[in-house]
Every structure is written in C-alpha cells, then in structure tokens.
C-alpha cells in the first residue's frame, strides 16, 4: 500500500462526501482511506457504504475528542508507505496523488508539505511561503499546515500528534498540531520540503471577519502560544509573531474593519497571554528592550511591539485580580 489517507471527521456529511468523490476520481489508486468517525450517531454509515466497493476504506468509530486524537487512532490502523492527514472538508485534484507519488520516486526525501487553496478563488488559505523551501525549525510556521503533510511511515513510526493541540482538543489549544508533529520529525533527522506548487483544496475559514472567526482566532491563538512555549522558541521569534498580529490590526484600522481588528486582537491576546503566564523573564527582557529602544531613532515599530506585550501582560494581570 502506497498511501494511508487518514481523515478525522465530526459533524460533516456533504464535505466528507465531496472528499471521497475526489479520492474516487484519482488517477493514482494505490491508497487506503482511514475515516476516523467522531460522531455520536451513525450518520456516516450510509454515506460511506457506496464507496466501499470502489475505495479501500476503514471506517473507525471513536468517542475520543480532538482531531489530533483521531489522527493518532488512524496512524495505529495504517499500513501505507506514506501517511497524510487531510481534513474532512478537503478535496484533491484528480491527478494529485499521482504527482505526489512521482515526486517521492524521483527525489530522495522523507516527506513534503503541500499547499491548501480555496476552491472558489484559487488563493492559498494560509499565509505560508510562496517558494519551494526545505522545512527547518526557523521557518516551520511558514511552511507547515497539517492537512498538507505527506511523510514516509519508515521515518514517522513512533511519532504521534500532541493531543493537547488541534481542533477539538479538550485543552482548548486549537492549532499548530501540524508544525509540532513536523518539528519532532525534524528532531528525528527527517528531511522535508514545502512545495506550494502542489496543492489541495480547502475552504478558507476566515473570508469574512465576524464573531465566529474571532472566537476561532481566540482558540487558535491559545494553540500558538502553547506551541511556542512547549518548543522553547526564543524571545525574538515570539516578537516576530506578535508583530504579524499587530500588522493585521493595523491593516484593519486602515480599512475601518472592526471585525478584522477583533479577529487579530483575539489571536494576539490569547497567544501572548499563554506565553507570558509562565515566562516572567520574557516580560523583564521585553521591558529592558523597550527602554533601550527609546534611545534609538526611528524605533517606533519596535517600541510598539514591546508596548503591546507589556499591555497584554498588564491586561492579563488585571483580569486575574478581578
């Protein structure tokens, strides 16, 4: 078996049907599909049944919560030479797996990560690198999205997803399980590359900024903070990601978009709150750099970032006192 396609699913029928249709239409057919069903009822039984005579499907039911938990269950059932983990609302172009298989044959590589694009407008759904690049620790958050991971089982054995991370995790840390998984593959010596020219389809979840997307940003920000803290990313990496959120807030001000502002603010607030709760030294270093920055001409942007950290720490402190 060449590919094991592990799909966690919850509360989706139409999207999963479309994904299975796209798999049915693949020009390369040496793969198994492992559907990890987290629904409380049997809503998928009749949906999956027509595909069982066409595709090699394992329908695994579980009451375990969280996408990462479901992926780990799928890994334990997998027999393929290459693992991949699309979401239940992804779709593959018809020749997608054929291209991926050819790439693995022609190149000495342990794994690749491909891009995800919205099917309606063709644009990437995440702000990742636009060029082919080797994945390293320093660029992992610009090159990895979990749905796009393809990794050889020979190097991935024994490595599982952190069940504290990902959509549906009981911890509330609803993001960055993919980068965390790949980071541990890199630590094991795996060689992976990001190829944005290879892509699958995935709906863009934040085309519209509203209360729902702000709540999503809040939970994803918690995941980002946990990921950075868990994996010991340094002060300047944290400041860099803080700067990205502040840039989004600035853009929202320029466009007079309150909902966009609240989206980036929710992400920023939860990200930094989670980091600062257990990193008092970071606060002290941040304040020192802010003071130094006052003496440096044209350092307004840098000082704004530092002030942002100080503000968020103060905000968190006052919340605890109330």
Protein backbone atom coordinates (compact mmCIF):
# COMPACT_ATOMS: atom_id res chain seq x y z
CA UNK A 1 0.00 0.00 0.00
CA UNK A 2 1.49 3.35 -1.07
CA UNK A 3 -0.60 5.98 0.79
CA UNK A 4 -2.57 5.92 4.03
CA UNK A 5 -5.03 8.81 3.92
CA UNK A 6 -6.20 9.49 7.49
CA UNK A 7 -9.33 11.65 7.75
CA UNK A 8 -10.72 12.74 11.15
CA UNK A 9 -14.35 13.76 10.84
CA UNK A 10 -17.06 15.26 13.03
CA UNK A 11 -20.45 16.76 12.12
CA UNK A 12 -19.77 16.87 8.38
CA UNK A 13 -21.50 14.83 5.70
CA UNK A 14 -21.55 16.86 2.48
CA UNK A 15 -17.90 17.88 2.86
CA UNK A 16 -16.79 14.30 3.55
CA UNK A 17 -18.80 13.07 0.57
CA UNK A 18 -17.00 15.58 -1.67
CA UNK A 19 -13.64 14.43 -0.31
CA UNK A 20 -14.47 10.78 -1.01
CA UNK A 21 -15.63 11.72 -4.51
CA UNK A 22 -12.29 13.40 -5.14
CA UNK A 23 -10.49 10.25 -3.95
CA UNK A 24 -12.68 8.08 -6.20
CA UNK A 25 -11.56 10.21 -9.16
CA UNK A 26 -7.81 9.92 -8.50
CA UNK A 27 -5.65 8.75 -11.42
CA UNK A 28 -3.37 7.01 -8.88
CA UNK A 29 -5.26 4.38 -6.89
CA UNK A 30 -2.79 2.58 -4.59
CA UNK A 31 -4.06 4.01 -1.30
CA UNK A 32 -6.23 3.25 1.71
CA UNK A 33 -8.65 5.67 3.33
CA UNK A 34 -8.98 5.60 7.11
CA UNK A 35 -12.01 7.57 8.25
CA UNK A 36 -11.90 8.22 11.99
CA UNK A 37 -15.53 8.95 12.82
CA UNK A 38 -16.05 11.03 15.99
CA UNK A 39 -19.81 11.45 15.58
CA UNK A 40 -22.08 10.28 18.38
CA UNK A 41 -24.55 8.75 15.90
CA UNK A 42 -24.25 6.60 12.76
CA UNK A 43 -24.76 9.48 10.31
CA UNK A 44 -21.84 8.39 8.11
CA UNK A 45 -22.74 4.72 7.61
CA UNK A 46 -25.00 5.23 4.60
CA UNK A 47 -22.68 7.90 3.18
CA UNK A 48 -19.59 5.67 3.24
CA UNK A 49 -21.22 2.43 2.11
CA UNK A 50 -21.38 3.22 -1.67
CA UNK A 51 -17.65 4.00 -1.68
CA UNK A 52 -16.62 0.73 -0.02
CA UNK A 53 -16.75 -1.17 -3.31
CA UNK A 54 -14.60 1.48 -5.02
CA UNK A 55 -12.09 2.54 -2.36
CA UNK A 56 -10.12 0.65 0.28
CA UNK A 57 -11.88 2.19 3.29
CA UNK A 58 -11.50 1.56 7.00
CA UNK A 59 -14.33 3.19 8.95
CA UNK A 60 -13.14 3.56 12.55
CA UNK A 61 -15.57 4.90 15.17
CA UNK A 62 -14.40 6.55 18.37
CA UNK A 63 -15.74 8.68 21.19
CA UNK A 64 -12.32 10.29 21.67
CA UNK A 65 -12.30 14.05 21.22
CA UNK A 66 -9.97 16.16 19.12
CA UNK A 67 -8.57 15.94 15.59
CA UNK A 68 -5.10 15.00 16.86
CA UNK A 69 -6.54 12.13 18.88
CA UNK A 70 -8.36 10.92 15.77
CA UNK A 71 -5.20 11.14 13.63
CA UNK A 72 -3.31 9.05 16.17
CA UNK A 73 -6.05 6.41 16.08
CA UNK A 74 -5.77 6.44 12.29
CA UNK A 75 -1.98 6.07 12.45
CA UNK A 76 -2.39 2.93 14.57
CA UNK A 77 -4.52 1.39 11.78
CA UNK A 78 -2.35 2.48 8.84
CA UNK A 79 -0.42 0.18 6.50
CA UNK A 80 0.77 2.65 3.86
CA UNK A 81 4.32 3.66 2.99
CA UNK A 82 3.35 7.34 3.18
CA UNK A 83 0.99 8.95 5.70
CA UNK A 84 -1.15 12.01 5.02
CA UNK A 85 -3.82 13.77 7.09
CA UNK A 86 -6.38 15.78 5.09
CA UNK A 87 -9.31 17.44 6.85
CA UNK A 88 -12.79 16.14 6.13
CA UNK A 89 -13.57 19.28 4.10
CA UNK A 90 -10.54 18.97 1.79
CA UNK A 91 -10.66 17.82 -1.83
CA UNK A 92 -7.86 16.52 -4.07
CA UNK A 93 -7.46 17.46 -7.76
CA UNK A 94 -7.81 14.33 -9.92
CA UNK A 95 -4.07 13.83 -10.56
CA UNK A 96 -2.94 14.99 -7.13
CA UNK A 97 -1.75 11.66 -5.69
CA UNK A 98 -0.08 10.75 -8.98
CA UNK A 99 2.03 13.92 -8.81
CA UNK A 100 2.90 13.30 -5.16
CA UNK A 101 3.87 9.69 -5.83
CA UNK A 102 6.08 10.69 -8.79
CA UNK A 103 7.82 13.28 -6.66
CA UNK A 104 8.67 10.74 -3.97
CA UNK A 105 10.02 8.35 -6.61
CA UNK A 106 12.21 10.97 -8.28
CA UNK A 107 13.59 12.63 -5.13
CA UNK A 108 15.44 11.48 -2.02
CA UNK A 109 13.14 12.94 0.61
CA UNK A 110 11.37 11.77 3.78
CA UNK A 111 8.37 14.00 3.39
CA UNK A 112 6.79 17.04 1.81
CA UNK A 113 4.14 19.56 2.78
CA UNK A 114 1.80 20.87 0.09
CA UNK A 115 -0.32 23.99 -0.07
CA UNK A 116 -4.05 24.35 0.51
CA UNK A 117 -6.15 26.61 -1.71
CA UNK A 118 -9.74 27.75 -1.64
CA UNK A 119 -11.57 26.01 -4.49
CA UNK A 120 -13.65 29.08 -5.34
CA UNK A 121 -10.95 31.72 -5.73
CA UNK A 122 -7.82 29.55 -6.03
CA UNK A 123 -5.99 31.51 -3.32
CA UNK A 124 -3.96 29.88 -0.51
CA UNK A 125 -5.91 29.75 2.75
CA UNK A 126 -2.82 30.30 4.93
CA UNK A 127 -0.03 32.87 4.79
CA UNK A 128 2.76 30.39 4.03
CA UNK A 129 5.94 30.63 1.97
CA UNK A 130 5.45 31.24 -1.76
CA UNK A 131 8.60 29.37 -2.80
CA UNK A 132 9.91 25.80 -2.56
CA UNK A 133 11.96 25.57 0.60
CA UNK A 134 13.45 22.99 2.94
CA UNK A 135 11.48 22.87 6.18
CA UNK A 136 13.51 23.82 9.24
CA UNK A 137 12.75 24.84 12.80
CA UNK A 138 13.15 28.56 11.98
CA UNK A 139 10.56 28.50 9.16
CA UNK A 140 8.20 25.80 10.39
CA UNK A 141 5.26 28.14 10.93
CA UNK A 142 5.62 29.45 7.36
CA UNK A 143 5.83 26.02 5.74
CA UNK A 144 3.58 23.54 7.56
CA UNK A 145 -0.15 23.00 7.62
CA UNK A 146 -1.25 19.60 8.94
CA UNK A 147 -3.63 18.77 6.10
CA UNK A 148 -0.75 19.08 3.61
CA UNK A 149 1.73 16.73 5.31
CA UNK A 150 2.99 13.66 3.41
CA UNK A 151 5.56 11.66 5.40
CA UNK A 152 7.15 8.24 4.91
CA UNK A 153 5.98 5.77 7.52
CA UNK A 154 9.54 4.45 7.92
CA UNK A 155 10.70 7.73 9.49
CA UNK A 156 7.40 8.58 11.20
CA UNK A 157 6.96 5.40 13.22
CA UNK A 158 6.69 6.15 16.93
CA UNK A 159 5.83 9.82 16.38
CA UNK A 160 2.26 10.88 17.07
CA UNK A 161 0.34 14.14 17.25
CA UNK A 162 0.23 16.02 20.54
CA UNK A 163 -3.37 15.54 21.66
CA UNK A 164 -3.26 18.80 23.60
CA UNK A 165 -3.12 20.59 20.23
CA UNK A 166 -5.61 20.81 17.39
CA UNK A 167 -9.28 21.41 16.71
CA UNK A 168 -11.48 19.82 19.37
CA UNK A 169 -8.67 19.35 21.90
CA UNK A 170 -10.02 19.39 25.46
CA UNK A 171 -7.14 21.72 26.41
CA UNK A 172 -8.55 24.46 24.18
CA UNK A 173 -5.26 24.74 22.25
CA UNK A 174 -6.84 24.50 18.81
CA UNK A 175 -3.92 24.96 16.41
CA UNK A 176 -0.33 24.14 15.39
CA UNK A 177 -0.52 20.37 15.81
CA UNK A 178 0.99 20.04 12.33
CA UNK A 179 4.07 22.18 12.98
CA UNK A 180 4.53 20.42 16.32
CA UNK A 181 4.38 16.99 14.64
CA UNK A 182 6.83 18.01 11.91
CA UNK A 183 9.19 19.59 14.44
CA UNK A 184 9.57 16.23 16.15
CA UNK A 185 10.16 14.59 12.77
CA UNK A 186 12.96 17.09 12.13
CA UNK A 187 14.46 16.31 15.53
CA UNK A 188 14.50 12.65 14.50
CA UNK A 189 16.51 13.57 11.40
CA UNK A 190 13.74 13.65 8.79
CA UNK A 191 14.21 15.79 5.68
CA UNK A 192 11.08 17.58 4.50
CA UNK A 193 10.36 20.26 1.92
CA UNK A 194 7.47 22.63 1.37
CA UNK A 195 6.13 22.74 -2.19
CA UNK A 196 3.43 25.41 -2.66
CA UNK A 197 3.05 24.46 -6.34
CA UNK A 198 1.48 21.17 -5.15
CA UNK A 199 -1.92 21.95 -3.68
CA UNK A 200 -5.21 20.51 -2.50
CA UNK A 201 -8.48 22.34 -1.95
CA UNK A 202 -9.73 23.51 1.43
CA UNK A 203 -12.35 26.21 2.15
CA UNK A 204 -10.96 29.45 3.52
CA UNK A 205 -12.43 29.66 7.05
CA UNK A 206 -11.85 33.40 7.51
CA UNK A 207 -13.04 35.07 4.32
CA UNK A 208 -15.40 37.08 6.50
CA UNK A 209 -14.37 38.53 9.86
CA UNK A 210 -17.16 38.15 12.41
CA UNK A 211 -17.83 36.89 15.94
CA UNK A 212 -17.39 33.26 14.85
CA UNK A 213 -13.97 33.86 13.29
CA UNK A 214 -12.89 35.94 16.30
CA UNK A 215 -13.72 33.00 18.57
CA UNK A 216 -11.72 30.78 16.23
CA UNK A 217 -8.78 33.21 16.44
CA UNK A 218 -9.01 33.15 20.24
CA UNK A 219 -8.68 29.34 20.34
CA UNK A 220 -6.00 29.27 17.65
CA UNK A 221 -4.03 31.94 19.50
CA UNK A 222 -4.02 29.72 22.59
CA UNK A 223 -2.61 26.91 20.47
CA UNK A 224 0.12 29.12 19.02
CA UNK A 225 1.17 30.29 22.47
CA UNK A 226 1.29 26.71 23.77
CA UNK A 227 3.29 25.57 20.73
CA UNK A 228 5.89 28.36 21.06
CA UNK A 229 6.24 27.79 24.79
CA UNK A 230 6.38 23.98 24.57
CA UNK A 231 9.08 24.02 21.91
CA UNK A 232 11.22 26.72 23.53
CA UNK A 233 11.04 29.33 20.80
CA UNK A 234 13.05 32.34 21.89
CA UNK A 235 12.10 35.93 22.58
CA UNK A 236 12.71 37.27 19.08
CA UNK A 237 10.62 34.52 17.47
CA UNK A 238 7.77 35.43 19.81
CA UNK A 239 8.17 39.13 18.99
CA UNK A 240 8.12 38.29 15.28
CA UNK A 241 4.76 36.52 15.54
CA UNK A 242 3.42 39.28 17.76
CA UNK A 243 4.41 41.71 15.02
CA UNK A 244 2.34 39.77 12.47
CA UNK A 245 -0.77 40.11 14.61
CA UNK A 246 -0.13 43.81 15.15
CA UNK A 247 0.30 44.25 11.39
CA UNK A 248 -3.12 42.66 10.92
CA UNK A 249 -4.61 45.02 13.49
CA UNK A 250 -3.03 48.00 11.71
CA UNK A 251 -4.45 46.81 8.39
CA UNK A 252 -7.91 46.57 9.96
CA UNK A 253 -7.63 50.17 11.19
CA UNK A 254 -6.65 51.37 7.72
CA UNK A 255 -9.70 49.62 6.26
CA UNK A 256 -12.00 50.67 9.14
CA UNK A 257 -12.83 46.99 9.70
CA UNK A 258 -13.78 46.42 13.35
CA UNK A 259 -14.35 42.67 12.92
CA UNK A 260 -10.94 42.18 11.34
CA UNK A 261 -9.38 44.10 14.24
CA UNK A 262 -11.14 41.90 16.80
CA UNK A 263 -10.01 38.76 14.93
CA UNK A 264 -6.32 39.67 15.12
CA UNK A 265 -6.68 41.08 18.64
CA UNK A 266 -8.27 37.84 19.90
CA UNK A 267 -5.45 35.82 18.32
CA UNK A 268 -2.79 38.15 19.72
CA UNK A 269 -4.28 38.34 23.22
CA UNK A 270 -4.57 34.58 23.74
CA UNK A 271 -1.22 33.85 22.11
CA UNK A 272 0.71 36.21 24.38
CA UNK A 273 -1.36 35.52 27.50
CA UNK A 274 -0.44 31.83 27.32
CA UNK A 275 3.25 32.62 26.81
CA UNK A 276 3.54 35.31 29.48
CA UNK A 277 1.70 33.33 32.16
CA UNK A 278 4.77 31.12 32.51
CA UNK A 279 7.54 33.36 31.19
CA UNK A 280 8.19 36.20 33.65
CA UNK A 281 11.75 36.59 32.39
CA UNK A 282 10.34 37.39 28.96
CA UNK A 283 8.44 40.31 30.45
CA UNK A 284 11.59 41.70 32.08
CA UNK A 285 13.61 41.38 28.90
CA UNK A 286 10.78 42.97 26.94
CA UNK A 287 10.73 46.00 29.27
CA UNK A 288 14.53 46.35 29.06
CA UNK A 289 14.43 46.30 25.26
CA UNK A 290 11.63 48.87 25.27
CA UNK A 291 13.72 51.23 27.40
CA UNK A 292 16.73 50.72 25.12
CA UNK A 293 14.50 51.30 22.11
CA UNK A 294 13.52 54.72 23.41
CA UNK A 295 17.06 55.92 22.75
CA UNK A 296 17.15 54.58 19.19
CA UNK A 297 15.81 56.91 16.47
CA UNK A 298 13.08 55.54 14.19
CA UNK A 299 12.36 52.62 16.51
CA UNK A 300 8.64 53.34 16.77
CA UNK A 301 7.54 50.00 15.31
CA UNK A 302 9.82 48.06 17.65
CA UNK A 303 8.62 50.03 20.67
CA UNK A 304 5.01 49.46 19.62
CA UNK A 305 5.56 45.72 19.64
CA UNK A 306 7.17 45.85 23.07
CA UNK A 307 4.38 48.04 24.39
CA UNK A 308 1.91 45.51 23.01
CA UNK A 309 3.49 42.76 25.09
CA UNK A 310 3.52 44.95 28.20
CA UNK A 311 -0.12 45.90 27.64
CA UNK A 312 -1.22 42.29 27.24
CA UNK A 313 0.65 41.21 30.35
CA UNK A 314 -0.98 44.03 32.34
CA UNK A 315 -4.37 43.14 30.87
CA UNK A 316 -3.94 39.53 31.93
CA UNK A 317 -2.78 40.55 35.43
CA UNK A 318 -5.83 42.78 35.97
CA UNK A 319 -8.17 40.03 34.71
CA UNK A 320 -6.78 37.68 37.35
CA UNK A 321 -7.30 40.29 40.09
CA UNK A 322 -10.93 40.93 39.16
